[in-house]
Protein backbone atom coordinates (compact mmCIF):
# COMPACT_ATOMS: atom_id res chain seq x y z
CA MET A 1 0.09 -0.10 -0.24
CA ALA A 2 1.39 3.58 -0.74
CA PRO A 3 1.93 5.68 2.09
CA ARG A 4 -0.41 8.34 3.46
CA VAL A 5 0.27 11.71 1.96
CA ILE A 6 -0.74 14.44 5.02
CA VAL A 7 -1.60 18.39 3.76
CA LEU A 8 -0.99 20.33 6.57
CA PRO A 9 -3.03 22.86 7.86
CA ARG A 10 -3.08 26.01 6.31
CA LEU A 11 -1.67 29.82 8.47
CA ASP A 12 -4.11 31.57 6.54
CA ASP A 13 -7.19 29.41 7.91
CA GLU A 14 -8.10 28.79 4.11
CA SER A 15 -9.34 24.90 3.70
CA VAL A 16 -7.03 21.93 2.43
CA ALA A 17 -10.27 20.11 1.71
CA GLN A 18 -10.15 20.84 -2.15
CA LEU A 19 -6.56 20.04 -2.15
CA VAL A 20 -6.88 16.89 -0.27
CA THR A 21 -9.57 15.62 -2.76
CA GLU A 22 -7.97 16.71 -6.19
CA LEU A 23 -4.72 14.97 -4.47
CA ALA A 24 -6.97 11.91 -4.09
CA ASP A 25 -8.30 11.91 -7.48
CA ILE A 26 -5.00 12.00 -8.66
CA ILE A 27 -2.71 9.47 -6.90
CA PRO A 28 -2.86 6.23 -5.46
CA ASN A 29 -1.92 7.22 -1.84
CA GLU A 30 -4.29 7.98 0.91
CA VAL A 31 -4.41 11.61 1.25
CA LEU A 32 -5.57 12.86 4.16
CA GLY A 33 -5.93 16.94 5.71
CA ILE A 34 -5.50 17.04 9.58
CA GLY A 35 -8.75 19.25 9.59
CA SER A 36 -8.73 22.66 11.44
CA VAL A 37 -5.80 23.79 14.16
CA GLY A 38 -6.34 27.79 14.56
CA SER A 39 -3.79 29.35 13.27
CA GLU A 40 -4.25 31.83 16.13
CA LEU A 41 -2.20 29.20 18.49
CA PRO A 42 1.70 29.40 19.18
CA GLU A 43 3.60 27.70 17.26
CA ASN A 44 4.59 25.22 19.80
CA GLN A 45 0.71 24.07 20.38
CA TRP A 46 0.03 24.29 16.56
CA ILE A 47 2.96 21.51 16.29
CA ALA A 48 1.88 19.55 18.99
CA ALA A 49 -1.71 19.47 17.58
CA VAL A 50 -0.74 18.82 13.96
CA ALA A 51 2.01 15.68 15.13
CA LEU A 52 -1.38 14.76 17.10
CA GLY A 53 -3.22 14.91 14.18
CA ILE A 54 -0.99 13.28 12.03
CA ALA A 55 -0.41 10.40 14.97
CA ARG A 56 -4.17 9.75 14.73
CA SER A 57 -4.29 9.27 11.10
CA GLY A 58 -3.07 6.16 10.69
CA PRO A 59 -0.27 2.93 11.63
CA ALA A 60 2.67 4.50 13.76
CA PHE A 61 5.75 3.45 11.34
CA ASP A 62 4.19 3.68 8.36
CA GLY A 63 6.34 6.32 6.00
CA ILE A 64 4.01 9.42 4.74
CA HIS A 65 4.41 12.47 2.48
CA LEU A 66 3.69 16.26 4.27
CA VAL A 67 2.39 18.61 1.93
CA ALA A 68 2.38 22.57 3.36
CA VAL A 69 1.03 25.36 1.41
CA GLY A 70 1.83 28.75 1.98
CA ASP A 71 3.33 29.81 6.07
CA SER A 72 2.68 26.36 7.26
CA ALA A 73 6.38 25.49 5.30
CA GLN A 74 7.82 27.07 7.54
CA ARG A 75 7.11 24.64 10.21
CA LEU A 76 7.91 21.73 8.62
CA PRO A 77 10.98 21.37 10.21
CA ALA A 78 9.56 20.79 13.73
CA ILE A 79 7.14 18.79 12.29
CA ALA A 80 9.67 16.77 10.98
CA PHE A 81 11.55 16.40 14.01
CA ALA A 82 8.01 15.23 15.76
CA GLN A 83 7.80 12.15 13.17
CA ARG A 84 11.16 11.61 13.92
CA ALA A 85 10.47 11.23 17.42
CA ALA A 86 7.03 9.22 16.80
CA ARG A 87 9.45 6.77 14.61
CA ARG A 88 7.36 7.95 11.57
CA PRO A 89 9.29 8.18 8.47
CA VAL A 90 8.85 11.05 6.23
CA LEU A 91 9.49 9.95 2.71
CA SER A 92 9.10 13.41 0.82
CA TYR A 93 8.41 17.43 1.77
CA VAL A 94 6.32 19.28 -0.19
CA CYS A 95 6.57 23.60 0.03
CA VAL A 96 4.22 25.78 -2.11
CA ASP A 97 5.51 28.98 -2.08
CA VAL A 98 7.40 29.26 0.63
CA VAL A 99 11.03 27.75 1.80
CA PRO A 100 11.89 27.11 5.00
CA THR A 101 14.35 29.14 6.57
CA GLY A 102 16.06 29.25 9.57
CA GLN A 103 19.09 26.58 10.66
CA PHE A 104 18.01 23.36 10.49
CA VAL A 105 20.89 20.39 11.77
CA ASP A 106 18.45 17.41 10.94
CA TRP A 107 15.69 19.07 8.02
CA PRO A 108 15.69 18.04 5.78
CA ASP A 109 15.77 14.53 6.04
CA ALA A 110 13.85 13.41 2.92
CA PRO A 111 13.65 14.86 -0.71
CA VAL A 112 12.02 18.63 -0.81
CA THR A 113 9.92 19.81 -3.76
CA LEU A 114 9.30 23.18 -3.94
CA ILE A 115 6.34 24.29 -6.32
CA LYS A 116 6.32 28.24 -6.72
CA THR A 117 2.45 29.32 -8.43
CA ASN A 118 3.64 32.81 -7.50
CA PRO A 119 5.45 34.82 -10.01
CA LEU A 120 5.52 37.54 -7.40
CA MET A 121 8.12 35.35 -5.81
CA LEU A 122 11.73 36.77 -5.18
CA ALA A 123 14.48 34.45 -7.34
CA GLU A 124 15.98 34.93 -4.26
CA VAL A 125 13.51 32.55 -2.45
CA ALA A 126 13.74 29.87 -5.30
CA ASN A 127 17.58 30.35 -5.48
CA ALA A 128 17.55 29.23 -1.92
CA ALA A 129 15.82 26.38 -2.57
CA ARG A 130 18.38 25.08 -6.09
CA LEU A 131 21.25 25.59 -3.43
CA ARG A 132 20.10 23.38 -0.99
CA GLY A 133 19.59 20.99 -3.84
CA TRP A 134 15.95 20.36 -3.74
CA GLN A 135 14.00 19.96 -6.58
CA ARG A 136 12.07 23.45 -8.48
CA VAL A 137 8.17 23.18 -10.28
CA GLU A 138 7.15 26.12 -11.24
CA SER A 139 3.44 25.95 -11.59
CA THR A 140 -0.31 27.79 -11.86
CA THR A 141 -2.45 28.19 -8.66
CA ASN A 142 -5.24 25.82 -10.79
CA ASP A 143 -2.22 22.72 -12.27
CA PHE A 144 -0.29 23.06 -8.30
CA PRO A 145 -1.99 19.71 -7.39
CA ALA A 146 -0.77 18.12 -10.31
CA ALA A 147 2.49 18.91 -9.66
CA ILE A 148 2.03 18.20 -5.61
CA ALA A 149 1.03 15.06 -6.97
CA ALA A 150 3.90 14.21 -9.39
CA ALA A 151 6.62 15.08 -6.75
CA ILE A 152 4.80 12.71 -4.61
CA ILE A 153 4.73 9.94 -6.86
CA ALA A 154 8.55 10.50 -7.73
CA THR A 155 9.24 9.58 -4.02
CA ASN A 156 7.17 6.93 -3.40
CA PRO A 157 8.75 3.64 -2.67
């Protein structure tokens, strides 16, 4: 069975339900959204709530793919740390329009794909992904589910 795909909640409180549905129609993986986690929560509480949602989404030791749209991508390193602590392997990370910044010792521990749908994204941001050796894909706001699906399929075991 293909690993689960977890779509993280957005920090702008937009729903990810449509993206979950579109991905489920394209890829063989089970695709799940964590649901609503309030963006007003302090970062550590938001991360704990998301990690708990991931834990409840399926078997503990099965690999997962993590998808983050917008600013929630900034929290991928902390979510990844929680998954390592839970002994749940992350097979890939997909960031849409945001490259996590800061110093990360053990992150990323799996392939990362940056999907750029915003033509106004600064070249420096996309360049940061290139310098880290991440895959970069340009897409439109209408086609980014297909780009996410392609990135996940490329890293399925």
